[in-house]
Amino acid sequence: MTTSTNSPSPASGRGVGERANLRFILKHPAHLIAFGFGTGLSPKAPGTVGTLLGLPLFWLIAWAAHDLPNQIALLIAAFLVGIWACGRTGRALGVPDHGGIVWDEIAAFALVLVFTPASWLWTGIAFALFRLFDIVKPWPIRQFDARLKNGFGVMFDDLLAAGYTIAVIKGLTWLV
């Protein structure tokens, strides 16, 4: 006997929308962006796999903008693109915050890296903390995640997780 769960796999589309697959993400630039250029199609832990793309986004931003204000401006642009891409993709799938939508993790982790000391150890700590806060969703992240069901909501809960991560990283760097 098999049992079913209510949790869709990243590739399943729950609701009235389309099914998430390679054909779907190639249909529209918003879908490609929202699915992290395909990383959101990972059958296991798409949010974690997508978060890894925050590294090359951060490297690109650091290369393009050498000062903090311009890096923040580029991250705001990434956030705004994410509101559009995640919102449009969620509507197409019929699931506002589909598990395969990972641009929110990508952009938020890039923000974390702007405030993380430049070493693989600190990057690993930041990655683990960000995933922890994104998965556990401490107050008020869980409340916003439950109430905001649109592109802004998808992006906002990860922005809050990034804020928690940055606060802990700054506290840790102060201690050592």
Protein backbone atom coordinates (compact mmCIF):
# COMPACT_ATOMS: atom_id res chain seq x y z
CA MET A 1 0.00 0.00 0.00
CA THR A 2 1.30 3.43 -0.87
CA THR A 3 0.55 6.58 0.96
CA SER A 4 0.39 10.02 -0.46
CA THR A 5 1.36 13.28 1.12
CA ASN A 6 0.09 16.76 0.55
CA SER A 7 3.61 18.01 -0.14
CA PRO A 8 4.29 18.41 -3.83
CA SER A 9 7.69 17.60 -5.23
CA PRO A 10 9.45 20.61 -6.76
CA ALA A 11 8.47 19.48 -10.25
CA SER A 12 4.79 19.01 -9.47
CA GLY A 13 2.34 21.79 -9.99
CA ARG A 14 -0.41 21.90 -7.41
CA GLY A 15 -3.52 23.84 -8.33
CA VAL A 16 -4.84 24.94 -11.67
CA GLY A 17 -1.52 25.94 -13.18
CA GLU A 18 1.09 24.27 -15.30
CA ARG A 19 3.58 21.58 -14.34
CA ALA A 20 7.11 22.74 -13.49
CA ASN A 21 9.65 21.18 -15.83
CA LEU A 22 12.36 22.27 -18.23
CA ARG A 23 9.83 23.12 -20.94
CA PHE A 24 7.92 25.30 -18.47
CA ILE A 25 10.95 27.30 -17.28
CA LEU A 26 12.08 27.90 -20.86
CA LYS A 27 8.65 29.31 -21.82
CA HIS A 28 9.21 32.69 -20.24
CA PRO A 29 12.21 34.60 -18.82
CA ALA A 30 10.36 35.07 -15.52
CA HIS A 31 10.12 31.30 -15.07
CA LEU A 32 13.80 30.81 -15.88
CA ILE A 33 14.79 33.46 -13.34
CA ALA A 34 12.36 32.29 -10.65
CA PHE A 35 13.59 28.70 -11.01
CA GLY A 36 17.19 29.84 -10.63
CA PHE A 37 18.13 28.97 -14.20
CA GLY A 38 17.04 25.37 -13.59
CA THR A 39 18.33 24.78 -10.06
CA GLY A 40 14.76 24.88 -8.76
CA LEU A 41 14.06 21.69 -10.71
CA SER A 42 16.38 19.75 -8.40
CA PRO A 43 14.47 16.70 -7.12
CA LYS A 44 16.06 17.06 -3.67
CA ALA A 45 16.33 20.27 -1.65
CA PRO A 46 15.77 22.80 -4.47
CA GLY A 47 16.00 25.72 -2.02
CA THR A 48 19.41 24.58 -0.85
CA VAL A 49 20.62 23.95 -4.39
CA GLY A 50 19.25 27.32 -5.49
CA THR A 51 20.90 29.09 -2.57
CA LEU A 52 24.27 28.01 -3.96
CA LEU A 53 23.61 30.28 -6.96
CA GLY A 54 23.79 33.19 -4.54
CA LEU A 55 27.58 32.82 -4.70
CA PRO A 56 27.97 33.58 -8.42
CA LEU A 57 25.37 36.35 -8.15
CA PHE A 58 27.39 37.88 -5.31
CA TRP A 59 30.62 37.53 -7.31
CA LEU A 60 28.98 39.24 -10.29
CA ILE A 61 27.68 42.07 -8.10
CA ALA A 62 31.06 42.50 -6.36
CA TRP A 63 32.78 42.62 -9.77
CA ALA A 64 30.28 45.14 -11.18
CA ALA A 65 30.10 47.38 -8.10
CA HIS A 66 33.07 47.84 -5.80
CA ASP A 67 31.34 49.92 -3.14
CA LEU A 68 28.53 48.99 -0.74
CA PRO A 69 25.92 51.52 -1.96
CA ASN A 70 26.14 50.28 -5.53
CA GLN A 71 26.13 46.64 -4.43
CA ILE A 72 22.95 47.32 -2.43
CA ALA A 73 21.42 49.06 -5.46
CA LEU A 74 22.09 45.97 -7.58
CA LEU A 75 20.61 43.74 -4.88
CA ILE A 76 17.50 45.93 -4.76
CA ALA A 77 17.23 45.47 -8.53
CA ALA A 78 17.58 41.68 -8.05
CA PHE A 79 14.84 41.83 -5.38
CA LEU A 80 12.51 43.80 -7.68
CA VAL A 81 13.15 41.41 -10.57
CA GLY A 82 12.38 38.60 -8.12
CA ILE A 83 9.02 40.10 -7.15
CA TRP A 84 8.04 40.12 -10.82
CA ALA A 85 9.54 36.74 -11.75
CA CYS A 86 8.33 34.84 -8.67
CA GLY A 87 4.88 36.39 -8.83
CA ARG A 88 4.40 35.62 -12.51
CA THR A 89 5.77 32.09 -12.14
CA GLY A 90 3.67 31.36 -9.07
CA ARG A 91 0.52 32.47 -10.91
CA ALA A 92 1.40 30.32 -13.93
CA LEU A 93 1.91 27.29 -11.67
CA GLY A 94 -1.16 27.98 -9.56
CA VAL A 95 1.06 27.88 -6.46
CA PRO A 96 2.24 31.28 -5.13
CA ASP A 97 5.35 29.90 -3.40
CA HIS A 98 6.15 26.73 -5.35
CA GLY A 99 9.11 24.78 -3.95
CA GLY A 100 11.02 25.16 -7.20
CA ILE A 101 10.92 28.97 -7.08
CA VAL A 102 14.40 29.72 -5.73
CA TRP A 103 15.26 33.24 -6.91
CA ASP A 104 14.29 34.42 -3.42
CA GLU A 105 17.04 32.26 -1.88
CA ILE A 106 19.55 33.29 -4.54
CA ALA A 107 19.06 37.05 -4.11
CA ALA A 108 18.80 36.88 -0.32
CA PHE A 109 21.96 34.79 0.05
CA ALA A 110 23.84 37.20 -2.23
CA LEU A 111 22.80 39.94 0.22
CA VAL A 112 24.12 37.88 3.13
CA LEU A 113 27.45 37.47 1.36
CA VAL A 114 27.86 41.24 1.01
CA PHE A 115 28.08 41.36 4.83
CA THR A 116 30.04 38.13 5.34
CA PRO A 117 33.82 38.11 5.83
CA ALA A 118 35.63 36.87 2.73
CA SER A 119 36.64 33.30 3.54
CA TRP A 120 35.27 29.87 2.75
CA LEU A 121 34.72 29.20 6.47
CA TRP A 122 32.56 32.31 6.92
CA THR A 123 30.74 31.60 3.64
CA GLY A 124 29.94 28.10 4.90
CA ILE A 125 28.71 29.44 8.24
CA ALA A 126 26.58 32.05 6.44
CA PHE A 127 25.15 29.37 4.13
CA ALA A 128 24.22 27.09 7.05
CA LEU A 129 22.67 29.93 9.05
CA PHE A 130 20.70 31.24 6.08
CA ARG A 131 19.30 27.79 5.28
CA LEU A 132 18.45 27.29 8.96
CA PHE A 133 16.52 30.57 9.18
CA ASP A 134 14.85 29.99 5.80
CA ILE A 135 13.68 26.50 6.78
CA VAL A 136 12.78 27.10 10.47
CA LYS A 137 11.25 30.54 9.80
CA PRO A 138 11.50 32.09 13.28
CA TRP A 139 9.18 34.93 14.28
CA PRO A 140 8.12 37.00 12.33
CA ILE A 141 9.25 35.20 9.17
CA ARG A 142 6.63 32.44 9.49
CA GLN A 143 3.84 34.99 9.97
CA PHE A 144 4.80 36.95 6.86
CA ASP A 145 5.26 33.73 4.90
CA ALA A 146 1.71 32.64 5.84
CA ARG A 147 0.10 36.00 5.01
CA LEU A 148 1.88 37.28 1.92
CA LYS A 149 1.06 35.03 -1.03
CA ASN A 150 2.47 36.88 -4.03
CA GLY A 151 5.82 37.76 -5.56
CA PHE A 152 6.58 40.23 -2.77
CA GLY A 153 5.76 37.63 -0.11
CA VAL A 154 7.98 35.03 -1.75
CA MET A 155 10.90 37.46 -1.71
CA PHE A 156 10.18 39.08 1.67
CA ASP A 157 10.44 36.03 3.93
CA ASP A 158 13.91 35.28 2.51
CA LEU A 159 14.91 38.90 2.98
CA LEU A 160 14.00 38.51 6.66
CA ALA A 161 15.99 35.25 6.86
CA ALA A 162 18.92 37.15 5.34
CA GLY A 163 18.53 39.82 8.03
CA TYR A 164 18.67 37.21 10.80
CA THR A 165 21.73 35.64 9.18
CA ILE A 166 23.53 38.96 8.81
CA ALA A 167 22.81 39.81 12.46
CA VAL A 168 24.27 36.50 13.66
CA ILE A 169 27.30 36.77 11.35
CA LYS A 170 27.98 40.32 12.58
CA GLY A 171 27.64 39.13 16.18
CA LEU A 172 30.00 36.22 15.59
CA THR A 173 32.59 38.42 13.88
CA TRP A 174 32.42 40.81 16.82
CA LEU A 175 33.12 37.91 19.21
CA VAL A 176 36.16 36.54 17.36
